PDB file of N, CA and C in Angstrom:
ATOM      1  N   MET A   1     -19.271 -30.696 -39.988  1.00  0.00           N
ATOM      2  CA  MET A   1     -19.749 -30.118 -39.107  1.00  0.00           C
ATOM      3  C   MET A   1     -21.141 -31.138 -39.393  1.00  0.00           C
ATOM      4  N   ASN A   2     -21.885 -31.440 -38.423  1.00  0.00           N
ATOM      5  CA  ASN A   2     -23.224 -31.720 -38.142  1.00  0.00           C
ATOM      6  C   ASN A   2     -24.102 -30.457 -38.413  1.00  0.00           C
ATOM      7  N   ARG A   3     -25.369 -30.956 -38.422  1.00  0.00           N
ATOM      8  CA  ARG A   3     -26.461 -29.408 -38.954  1.00  0.00           C
ATOM      9  C   ARG A   3     -27.671 -30.545 -38.817  1.00  0.00           C
ATOM     10  N   PRO A   4     -28.154 -29.603 -37.752  1.00  0.00           N
ATOM     11  CA  PRO A   4     -29.969 -29.407 -37.128  1.00  0.00           C
ATOM     12  C   PRO A   4     -31.019 -30.700 -38.566  1.00  0.00           C
ATOM     13  N   TYR A   5     -31.910 -31.048 -38.133  1.00  0.00           N
ATOM     14  CA  TYR A   5     -31.928 -32.324 -38.445  1.00  0.00           C
ATOM     15  C   TYR A   5     -33.705 -32.557 -37.502  1.00  0.00           C
ATOM     16  N   GLU A   6     -34.541 -33.260 -38.380  1.00  0.00           N
ATOM     17  CA  GLU A   6     -35.816 -34.067 -37.257  1.00  0.00           C
ATOM     18  C   GLU A   6     -35.607 -35.282 -38.690  1.00  0.00           C
ATOM     19  N   LEU A   7     -36.854 -36.284 -37.993  1.00  0.00           N
ATOM     20  CA  LEU A   7     -36.979 -37.746 -39.183  1.00  0.00           C
ATOM     21  C   LEU A   7     -38.037 -37.947 -38.479  1.00  0.00           C
ATOM     22  N   GLY A   8     -38.783 -38.023 -38.848  1.00  0.00           N
ATOM     23  CA  GLY A   8     -40.094 -38.615 -38.706  1.00  0.00           C
ATOM     24  C   GLY A   8     -40.434 -39.886 -39.451  1.00  0.00           C
ATOM     25  N   PHE A   9     -41.728 -40.183 -38.756  1.00  0.00           N
ATOM     26  CA  PHE A   9     -40.846 -42.061 -39.397  1.00  0.00           C
ATOM     27  C   PHE A   9     -42.646 -42.620 -38.745  1.00  0.00           C
ATOM     28  N   ILE A  10     -42.726 -43.813 -39.306  1.00  0.00           N
ATOM     29  CA  ILE A  10     -43.808 -44.034 -39.129  1.00  0.00           C
ATOM     30  C   ILE A  10     -44.287 -46.006 -39.087  1.00  0.00           C
ATOM     31  N   ILE A  11     -44.014 -46.515 -37.512  1.00  0.00           N
ATOM     32  CA  ILE A  11     -43.793 -47.520 -37.361  1.00  0.00           C
ATOM     33  C   ILE A  11     -45.262 -48.673 -37.525  1.00  0.00           C
ATOM     34  N   PRO A  12     -45.221 -49.538 -38.270  1.00  0.00           N
ATOM     35  CA  PRO A  12     -46.502 -50.302 -38.475  1.00  0.00           C
ATOM     36  C   PRO A  12     -46.895 -50.620 -36.824  1.00  0.00           C
ATOM     37  N   SER A  13     -48.668 -50.362 -37.446  1.00  0.00           N
ATOM     38  CA  SER A  13     -49.375 -51.278 -36.520  1.00  0.00           C
ATOM     39  C   SER A  13     -49.453 -52.202 -36.383  1.00  0.00           C
ATOM     40  N   ASN A  14     -48.491 -52.462 -36.887  1.00  0.00           N
ATOM     41  CA  ASN A  14     -48.624 -55.105 -36.354  1.00  0.00           C
ATOM     42  C   ASN A  14     -47.580 -54.830 -35.438  1.00  0.00           C
ATOM     43  N   VAL A  15     -46.773 -54.115 -35.443  1.00  0.00           N
ATOM     44  CA  VAL A  15     -45.789 -54.127 -33.588  1.00  0.00           C
ATOM     45  C   VAL A  15     -46.254 -53.723 -33.173  1.00  0.00           C
ATOM     46  N   PRO A  16     -46.196 -55.116 -31.940  1.00  0.00           N
ATOM     47  CA  PRO A  16     -46.308 -54.638 -30.240  1.00  0.00           C
ATOM     48  C   PRO A  16     -46.399 -52.967 -30.345  1.00  0.00           C
ATOM     49  N   GLU A  17     -47.184 -52.943 -29.269  1.00  0.00           N
ATOM     50  CA  GLU A  17     -46.373 -51.644 -28.593  1.00  0.00           C
ATOM     51  C   GLU A  17     -45.386 -51.741 -27.836  1.00  0.00           C
ATOM     52  N   THR A  18     -45.513 -52.265 -27.094  1.00  0.00           N
ATOM     53  CA  THR A  18     -43.635 -52.662 -26.346  1.00  0.00           C
ATOM     54  C   THR A  18     -42.937 -52.778 -27.433  1.00  0.00           C
ATOM     55  N   GLU A  19     -43.122 -53.188 -28.201  1.00  0.00           N
ATOM     56  CA  GLU A  19     -41.671 -53.445 -29.778  1.00  0.00           C
ATOM     57  C   GLU A  19     -41.075 -52.184 -29.690  1.00  0.00           C
ATOM     58  N   THR A  20     -42.373 -50.697 -29.766  1.00  0.00           N
ATOM     59  CA  THR A  20     -41.657 -50.070 -30.640  1.00  0.00           C
ATOM     60  C   THR A  20     -40.312 -49.272 -30.266  1.00  0.00           C
ATOM     61  N   LYS A  21     -40.096 -49.390 -28.788  1.00  0.00           N
ATOM     62  CA  LYS A  21     -39.130 -48.646 -27.989  1.00  0.00           C
ATOM     63  C   LYS A  21     -37.618 -49.199 -28.541  1.00  0.00           C
ATOM     64  N   THR A  22     -38.034 -50.610 -29.056  1.00  0.00           N
ATOM     65  CA  THR A  22     -37.244 -51.797 -29.899  1.00  0.00           C
ATOM     66  C   THR A  22     -36.470 -50.822 -30.686  1.00  0.00           C
ATOM     67  N   VAL A  23     -37.896 -50.226 -31.782  1.00  0.00           N
ATOM     68  CA  VAL A  23     -37.450 -50.358 -32.749  1.00  0.00           C
ATOM     69  C   VAL A  23     -36.875 -48.845 -33.193  1.00  0.00           C
ATOM     70  N   ILE A  24     -37.076 -47.645 -32.077  1.00  0.00           N
ATOM     71  CA  ILE A  24     -37.152 -46.255 -31.339  1.00  0.00           C
ATOM     72  C   ILE A  24     -35.116 -46.477 -31.904  1.00  0.00           C
ATOM     73  N   GLY A  25     -35.162 -47.850 -30.989  1.00  0.00           N
ATOM     74  CA  GLY A  25     -33.393 -47.842 -30.243  1.00  0.00           C
ATOM     75  C   GLY A  25     -32.811 -48.241 -31.602  1.00  0.00           C
ATOM     76  N   VAL A  26     -33.412 -49.372 -33.261  1.00  0.00           N
ATOM     77  CA  VAL A  26     -32.058 -49.265 -33.775  1.00  0.00           C
ATOM     78  C   VAL A  26     -32.532 -48.434 -34.294  1.00  0.00           C
ATOM     79  N   VAL A  27     -33.148 -47.097 -34.673  1.00  0.00           N
ATOM     80  CA  VAL A  27     -32.629 -46.125 -35.965  1.00  0.00           C
ATOM     81  C   VAL A  27     -32.175 -45.205 -34.661  1.00  0.00           C
ATOM     82  N   GLN A  28     -31.826 -45.400 -33.098  1.00  0.00           N
ATOM     83  CA  GLN A  28     -31.266 -43.839 -32.521  1.00  0.00           C
ATOM     84  C   GLN A  28     -30.028 -44.411 -32.988  1.00  0.00           C
ATOM     85  N   ALA A  29     -29.634 -46.411 -33.035  1.00  0.00           N
ATOM     86  CA  ALA A  29     -28.305 -46.667 -33.174  1.00  0.00           C
ATOM     87  C   ALA A  29     -27.926 -45.704 -35.035  1.00  0.00           C
ATOM     88  N   LEU A  30     -28.435 -46.135 -35.689  1.00  0.00           N
ATOM     89  CA  LEU A  30     -28.481 -46.180 -36.649  1.00  0.00           C
ATOM     90  C   LEU A  30     -28.142 -44.503 -37.007  1.00  0.00           C
ATOM     91  N   ILE A  31     -28.256 -43.817 -37.306  1.00  0.00           N
ATOM     92  CA  ILE A  31     -28.259 -42.177 -36.917  1.00  0.00           C
ATOM     93  C   ILE A  31     -26.311 -41.627 -35.629  1.00  0.00           C
ATOM     94  N   GLU A  32     -26.811 -43.003 -34.646  1.00  0.00           N
ATOM     95  CA  GLU A  32     -25.374 -42.742 -33.939  1.00  0.00           C
ATOM     96  C   GLU A  32     -23.857 -43.363 -35.237  1.00  0.00           C
ATOM     97  N   GLN A  33     -24.039 -44.398 -35.229  1.00  0.00           N
ATOM     98  CA  GLN A  33     -23.248 -44.934 -35.971  1.00  0.00           C
ATOM     99  C   GLN A  33     -22.796 -44.078 -37.505  1.00  0.00           C
ATOM    100  N   MET A  34     -23.986 -43.478 -37.983  1.00  0.00           N
ATOM    101  CA  MET A  34     -23.595 -42.505 -38.746  1.00  0.00           C
ATOM    102  C   MET A  34     -22.956 -41.141 -38.583  1.00  0.00           C
ATOM    103  N   GLY A  35     -22.784 -40.992 -37.336  1.00  0.00           N
ATOM    104  CA  GLY A  35     -22.033 -39.974 -37.639  1.00  0.00           C
ATOM    105  C   GLY A  35     -23.521 -38.882 -36.703  1.00  0.00           C
ATOM    106  N   GLY A  36     -24.243 -39.094 -35.698  1.00  0.00           N
ATOM    107  CA  GLY A  36     -24.473 -37.974 -35.863  1.00  0.00           C
ATOM    108  C   GLY A  36     -25.440 -37.852 -34.584  1.00  0.00           C
ATOM    109  N   LYS A  37     -26.243 -37.363 -33.490  1.00  0.00           N
ATOM    110  CA  LYS A  37     -26.272 -37.735 -32.567  1.00  0.00           C
ATOM    111  C   LYS A  37     -27.929 -37.302 -32.374  1.00  0.00           C
ATOM    112  N   VAL A  38     -29.401 -37.566 -31.567  1.00  0.00           N
ATOM    113  CA  VAL A  38     -30.106 -37.395 -31.247  1.00  0.00           C
ATOM    114  C   VAL A  38     -30.654 -37.035 -30.108  1.00  0.00           C
ATOM    115  N   ASN A  39     -30.984 -35.655 -30.152  1.00  0.00           N
ATOM    116  CA  ASN A  39     -31.284 -34.517 -29.413  1.00  0.00           C
ATOM    117  C   ASN A  39     -32.989 -34.585 -28.110  1.00  0.00           C
ATOM    118  N   ASN A  40     -34.109 -35.401 -28.694  1.00  0.00           N
ATOM    119  CA  ASN A  40     -34.939 -35.169 -28.693  1.00  0.00           C
ATOM    120  C   ASN A  40     -35.496 -36.480 -29.136  1.00  0.00           C
ATOM    121  N   VAL A  41     -36.784 -36.978 -28.588  1.00  0.00           N
ATOM    122  CA  VAL A  41     -36.952 -38.437 -29.022  1.00  0.00           C
ATOM    123  C   VAL A  41     -38.857 -38.127 -28.263  1.00  0.00           C
ATOM    124  N   ASP A  42     -39.614 -37.621 -29.982  1.00  0.00           N
ATOM    125  CA  ASP A  42     -41.417 -37.469 -29.608  1.00  0.00           C
ATOM    126  C   ASP A  42     -41.608 -38.552 -30.393  1.00  0.00           C
ATOM    127  N   PHE A  43     -42.618 -39.479 -28.982  1.00  0.00           N
ATOM    128  CA  PHE A  43     -43.501 -40.649 -30.002  1.00  0.00           C
ATOM    129  C   PHE A  43     -44.839 -40.228 -29.484  1.00  0.00           C
ATOM    130  N   TRP A  44     -45.300 -40.016 -30.982  1.00  0.00           N
ATOM    131  CA  TRP A  44     -47.037 -38.996 -30.382  1.00  0.00           C
ATOM    132  C   TRP A  44     -47.298 -40.901 -30.118  1.00  0.00           C
ATOM    133  N   GLY A  45     -47.536 -41.977 -29.717  1.00  0.00           N
ATOM    134  CA  GLY A  45     -48.062 -43.114 -30.125  1.00  0.00           C
ATOM    135  C   GLY A  45     -49.059 -43.108 -31.034  1.00  0.00           C
ATOM    136  N   ARG A  46     -50.360 -44.604 -30.768  1.00  0.00           N
ATOM    137  CA  ARG A  46     -51.234 -44.467 -32.407  1.00  0.00           C
ATOM    138  C   ARG A  46     -51.753 -43.445 -33.237  1.00  0.00           C
ATOM    139  N   ARG A  47     -51.561 -43.792 -34.257  1.00  0.00           N
ATOM    140  CA  ARG A  47     -53.063 -42.256 -35.198  1.00  0.00           C
ATOM    141  C   ARG A  47     -53.037 -42.646 -36.241  1.00  0.00           C
ATOM    142  N   ARG A  48     -53.950 -42.885 -37.168  1.00  0.00           N
ATOM    143  CA  ARG A  48     -54.601 -43.401 -37.704  1.00  0.00           C
ATOM    144  C   ARG A  48     -53.609 -41.854 -38.863  1.00  0.00           C
ATOM    145  N   LEU A  49     -53.224 -43.506 -40.195  1.00  0.00           N
ATOM    146  CA  LEU A  49     -52.969 -42.873 -41.408  1.00  0.00           C
ATOM    147  C   LEU A  49     -54.097 -41.592 -42.827  1.00  0.00           C
ATOM    148  N   ALA A  50     -53.651 -40.843 -42.994  1.00  0.00           N
ATOM    149  CA  ALA A  50     -54.734 -40.694 -43.953  1.00  0.00           C
ATOM    150  C   ALA A  50     -54.827 -40.942 -45.514  1.00  0.00           C
ATOM    151  N   TYR A  51     -53.700 -41.891 -45.463  1.00  0.00           N
ATOM    152  CA  TYR A  51     -54.550 -43.046 -46.355  1.00  0.00           C
ATOM    153  C   TYR A  51     -53.507 -43.973 -45.717  1.00  0.00           C
ATOM    154  N   PRO A  52     -54.232 -45.095 -46.996  1.00  0.00           N
ATOM    155  CA  PRO A  52     -53.708 -46.911 -46.374  1.00  0.00           C
ATOM    156  C   PRO A  52     -52.399 -46.387 -47.064  1.00  0.00           C
ATOM    157  N   ILE A  53     -51.395 -47.730 -46.001  1.00  0.00           N
ATOM    158  CA  ILE A  53     -50.663 -47.822 -46.852  1.00  0.00           C
ATOM    159  C   ILE A  53     -49.696 -49.059 -46.463  1.00  0.00           C
ATOM    160  N   LYS A  54     -50.104 -50.075 -47.184  1.00  0.00           N
ATOM    161  CA  LYS A  54     -48.749 -51.227 -47.599  1.00  0.00           C
ATOM    162  C   LYS A  54     -50.194 -52.065 -46.377  1.00  0.00           C
ATOM    163  N   ASP A  55     -51.659 -52.072 -46.934  1.00  0.00           N
ATOM    164  CA  ASP A  55     -53.082 -52.008 -46.168  1.00  0.00           C
ATOM    165  C   ASP A  55     -52.403 -51.182 -44.902  1.00  0.00           C
ATOM    166  N   PHE A  56     -51.812 -50.685 -44.280  1.00  0.00           N
ATOM    167  CA  PHE A  56     -52.144 -50.598 -42.562  1.00  0.00           C
ATOM    168  C   PHE A  56     -53.091 -48.901 -42.754  1.00  0.00           C
ATOM    169  N   ARG A  57     -53.729 -48.826 -41.934  1.00  0.00           N
ATOM    170  CA  ARG A  57     -54.141 -47.355 -41.915  1.00  0.00           C
ATOM    171  C   ARG A  57     -54.290 -47.484 -40.358  1.00  0.00           C
ATOM    172  N   GLU A  58     -53.615 -47.866 -39.201  1.00  0.00           N
ATOM    173  CA  GLU A  58     -52.570 -47.717 -38.711  1.00  0.00           C
ATOM    174  C   GLU A  58     -51.337 -48.122 -38.156  1.00  0.00           C
ATOM    175  N   GLY A  59     -50.708 -46.674 -37.213  1.00  0.00           N
ATOM    176  CA  GLY A  59     -49.157 -46.531 -37.643  1.00  0.00           C
ATOM    177  C   GLY A  59     -49.141 -46.214 -36.010  1.00  0.00           C
ATOM    178  N   TYR A  60     -47.406 -45.724 -35.577  1.00  0.00           N
ATOM    179  CA  TYR A  60     -47.540 -45.305 -34.182  1.00  0.00           C
ATOM    180  C   TYR A  60     -46.361 -44.149 -34.833  1.00  0.00           C
ATOM    181  N   TYR A  61     -46.169 -43.357 -34.284  1.00  0.00           N
ATOM    182  CA  TYR A  61     -45.765 -42.404 -34.901  1.00  0.00           C
ATOM    183  C   TYR A  61     -45.008 -41.000 -33.755  1.00  0.00           C
ATOM    184  N   VAL A  62     -43.827 -41.686 -34.408  1.00  0.00           N
ATOM    185  CA  VAL A  62     -42.234 -40.330 -33.967  1.00  0.00           C
ATOM    186  C   VAL A  62     -41.157 -39.970 -34.566  1.00  0.00           C
ATOM    187  N   PHE A  63     -41.278 -38.712 -34.073  1.00  0.00           N
ATOM    188  CA  PHE A  63     -39.897 -37.689 -34.278  1.00  0.00           C
ATOM    189  C   PHE A  63     -39.146 -37.601 -33.516  1.00  0.00           C
ATOM    190  N   LEU A  64     -38.010 -37.738 -34.294  1.00  0.00           N
ATOM    191  CA  LEU A  64     -36.960 -37.704 -33.591  1.00  0.00           C
ATOM    192  C   LEU A  64     -36.054 -35.910 -33.969  1.00  0.00           C
ATOM    193  N   GLN A  65     -35.952 -35.061 -32.920  1.00  0.00           N
ATOM    194  CA  GLN A  65     -34.563 -34.426 -33.326  1.00  0.00           C
ATOM    195  C   GLN A  65     -33.064 -34.158 -33.308  1.00  0.00           C
ATOM    196  N   MET A  66     -32.602 -34.044 -34.421  1.00  0.00           N
ATOM    197  CA  MET A  66     -31.136 -34.077 -34.593  1.00  0.00           C
ATOM    198  C   MET A  66     -30.432 -34.028 -35.181  1.00  0.00           C
ATOM    199  N   GLU A  67     -28.526 -34.089 -34.426  1.00  0.00           N
ATOM    200  CA  GLU A  67     -27.680 -33.578 -34.868  1.00  0.00           C
ATOM    201  C   GLU A  67     -27.056 -34.484 -36.132  1.00  0.00           C
ATOM    202  N   PHE A  68     -27.145 -34.679 -37.203  1.00  0.00           N
ATOM    203  CA  PHE A  68     -26.328 -35.038 -38.102  1.00  0.00           C
ATOM    204  C   PHE A  68     -25.727 -34.520 -39.016  1.00  0.00           C
ATOM    205  N   PRO A  69     -24.575 -35.295 -39.843  1.00  0.00           N
ATOM    206  CA  PRO A  69     -24.017 -35.329 -41.507  1.00  0.00           C
ATOM    207  C   PRO A  69     -24.533 -35.318 -42.017  1.00  0.00           C
ATOM    208  N   PRO A  70     -24.239 -33.819 -42.898  1.00  0.00           N
ATOM    209  CA  PRO A  70     -25.153 -33.902 -44.288  1.00  0.00           C
ATOM    210  C   PRO A  70     -24.871 -34.608 -44.974  1.00  0.00           C
ATOM    211  N   ILE A  71     -23.474 -34.915 -45.398  1.00  0.00           N
ATOM    212  CA  ILE A  71     -23.621 -35.935 -45.969  1.00  0.00           C
ATOM    213  C   ILE A  71     -23.919 -37.673 -46.137  1.00  0.00           C
ATOM    214  N   GLN A  72     -24.369 -37.465 -44.846  1.00  0.00           N
ATOM    215  CA  GLN A  72     -24.991 -39.100 -44.851  1.00  0.00           C
ATOM    216  C   GLN A  72     -26.274 -39.102 -44.842  1.00  0.00           C
ATOM    217  N   VAL A  73     -26.852 -37.662 -44.730  1.00  0.00           N
ATOM    218  CA  VAL A  73     -28.767 -38.160 -45.031  1.00  0.00           C
ATOM    219  C   VAL A  73     -28.900 -39.275 -46.348  1.00  0.00           C
ATOM    220  N   ASN A  74     -28.961 -38.437 -47.514  1.00  0.00           N
ATOM    221  CA  ASN A  74     -28.880 -40.103 -48.302  1.00  0.00           C
ATOM    222  C   ASN A  74     -28.613 -41.611 -47.900  1.00  0.00           C
ATOM    223  N   GLU A  75     -27.645 -41.669 -47.623  1.00  0.00           N
ATOM    224  CA  GLU A  75     -27.539 -43.431 -46.964  1.00  0.00           C
ATOM    225  C   GLU A  75     -28.355 -43.524 -45.243  1.00  0.00           C
ATOM    226  N   LEU A  76     -28.860 -42.796 -44.361  1.00  0.00           N
ATOM    227  CA  LEU A  76     -29.907 -42.340 -43.592  1.00  0.00           C
ATOM    228  C   LEU A  76     -31.237 -43.342 -44.531  1.00  0.00           C
ATOM    229  N   GLU A  77     -31.302 -41.971 -45.523  1.00  0.00           N
ATOM    230  CA  GLU A  77     -32.411 -42.571 -46.500  1.00  0.00           C
ATOM    231  C   GLU A  77     -32.843 -43.546 -46.689  1.00  0.00           C
ATOM    232  N   ARG A  78     -31.670 -44.944 -47.633  1.00  0.00           N
ATOM    233  CA  ARG A  78     -31.599 -45.008 -47.756  1.00  0.00           C
ATOM    234  C   ARG A  78     -31.672 -46.291 -47.629  1.00  0.00           C
ATOM    235  N   THR A  79     -31.984 -46.657 -45.981  1.00  0.00           N
ATOM    236  CA  THR A  79     -31.175 -47.815 -44.968  1.00  0.00           C
ATOM    237  C   THR A  79     -32.392 -47.548 -44.292  1.00  0.00           C
ATOM    238  N   LEU A  80     -33.534 -46.438 -44.193  1.00  0.00           N
ATOM    239  CA  LEU A  80     -34.860 -46.061 -43.802  1.00  0.00           C
ATOM    240  C   LEU A  80     -35.990 -47.592 -44.877  1.00  0.00           C
ATOM    241  N   ARG A  81     -35.723 -46.958 -45.769  1.00  0.00           N
ATOM    242  CA  ARG A  81     -36.332 -47.162 -47.065  1.00  0.00           C
ATOM    243  C   ARG A  81     -36.463 -48.454 -46.728  1.00  0.00           C
ATOM    244  N   LEU A  82     -35.624 -49.082 -46.019  1.00  0.00           N
ATOM    245  CA  LEU A  82     -35.233 -50.944 -46.468  1.00  0.00           C
ATOM    246  C   LEU A  82     -35.585 -51.700 -45.036  1.00  0.00           C
ATOM    247  N   ASN A  83     -36.141 -50.834 -44.178  1.00  0.00           N
ATOM    248  CA  ASN A  83     -36.254 -51.301 -43.236  1.00  0.00           C
ATOM    249  C   ASN A  83     -37.527 -51.350 -43.009  1.00  0.00           C
ATOM    250  N   ASP A  84     -38.184 -53.003 -42.826  1.00  0.00           N
ATOM    251  CA  ASP A  84     -38.935 -53.838 -42.907  1.00  0.00           C
ATOM    252  C   ASP A  84     -40.230 -52.665 -41.661  1.00  0.00           C
ATOM    253  N   GLN A  85     -39.857 -51.874 -40.917  1.00  0.00           N
ATOM    254  CA  GLN A  85     -40.415 -51.866 -39.118  1.00  0.00           C
ATOM    255  C   GLN A  85     -40.464 -50.056 -39.913  1.00  0.00           C
ATOM    256  N   VAL A  86     -40.233 -49.579 -40.824  1.00  0.00           N
ATOM    257  CA  VAL A  86     -40.459 -47.824 -40.882  1.00  0.00           C
ATOM    258  C   VAL A  86     -41.856 -48.276 -42.242  1.00  0.00           C
ATOM    259  N   LEU A  87     -42.773 -48.124 -42.108  1.00  0.00           N
ATOM    260  CA  LEU A  87     -43.909 -46.865 -43.436  1.00  0.00           C
ATOM    261  C   LEU A  87     -42.778 -46.413 -44.324  1.00  0.00           C
ATOM    262  N   ARG A  88     -43.435 -45.196 -43.961  1.00  0.00           N
ATOM    263  CA  ARG A  88     -42.967 -44.401 -44.264  1.00  0.00           C
ATOM    264  C   ARG A  88     -41.948 -43.377 -43.209  1.00  0.00           C
ATOM    265  N   HIS A  89     -41.306 -42.896 -44.360  1.00  0.00           N
ATOM    266  CA  HIS A  89     -40.474 -41.507 -43.398  1.00  0.00           C
ATOM    267  C   HIS A  89     -40.268 -39.920 -43.445  1.00  0.00           C
ATOM    268  N   LEU A  90     -39.470 -39.176 -42.890  1.00  0.00           N
ATOM    269  CA  LEU A  90     -39.323 -37.758 -43.778  1.00  0.00           C
ATOM    270  C   LEU A  90     -38.213 -37.181 -43.250  1.00  0.00           C
ATOM    271  N   VAL A  91     -36.798 -36.664 -43.174  1.00  0.00           N
ATOM    272  CA  VAL A  91     -36.306 -36.046 -42.863  1.00  0.00           C
ATOM    273  C   VAL A  91     -35.969 -34.491 -43.391  1.00  0.00           C
ATOM    274  N   VAL A  92     -35.726 -34.306 -42.240  1.00  0.00           N
ATOM    275  CA  VAL A  92     -36.271 -32.617 -43.241  1.00  0.00           C
ATOM    276  C   VAL A  92     -35.284 -31.387 -42.104  1.00  0.00           C
ATOM    277  N   ARG A  93     -34.571 -30.952 -42.634  1.00  0.00           N
ATOM    278  CA  ARG A  93     -33.302 -29.716 -42.117  1.00  0.00           C
ATOM    279  C   ARG A  93     -34.317 -28.313 -41.230  1.00  0.00           C
ATOM    280  N   LEU A  94     -33.713 -28.792 -40.327  1.00  0.00           N
ATOM    281  CA  LEU A  94     -34.227 -27.688 -39.790  1.00  0.00           C
ATOM    282  C   LEU A  94     -32.598 -26.293 -39.363  1.00  0.00           C
ATOM    283  N   ASP A  95     -33.575 -25.682 -39.483  1.00  0.00           N
ATOM    284  CA  ASP A  95     -32.989 -23.673 -39.096  1.00  0.00           C
ATOM    285  C   ASP A  95     -32.313 -23.765 -38.194  1.00  0.00           C
ATOM    286  N   GLU A  96     -31.367 -23.372 -38.283  1.00  0.00           N
ATOM    287  CA  GLU A  96     -30.113 -23.252 -37.370  1.00  0.00           C
ATOM    288  C   GLU A  96     -29.966 -21.478 -36.238  1.00  0.00           C
TER     289      GLU A  96
END
């Protein structure tokens, strides 16, 4: 049974803006590979970070609304932590 979640993540500013769609596609493919489904992609673009992360002061903000199996959330977070193209991420369960 899939539940509604929102995934927010930041792509580092050293990735060219033309390649951000590729990074988003990789994350979407990862979600679908784990049994989820992406309903909406909200690309905010390049924004200043509240504090430096790994010497980056700016990044590309992306928010995905998805339906995802709860048992796979820990594995998704682990995989995103290992991805060099993602500075930070946050998975939040939405109300049904």
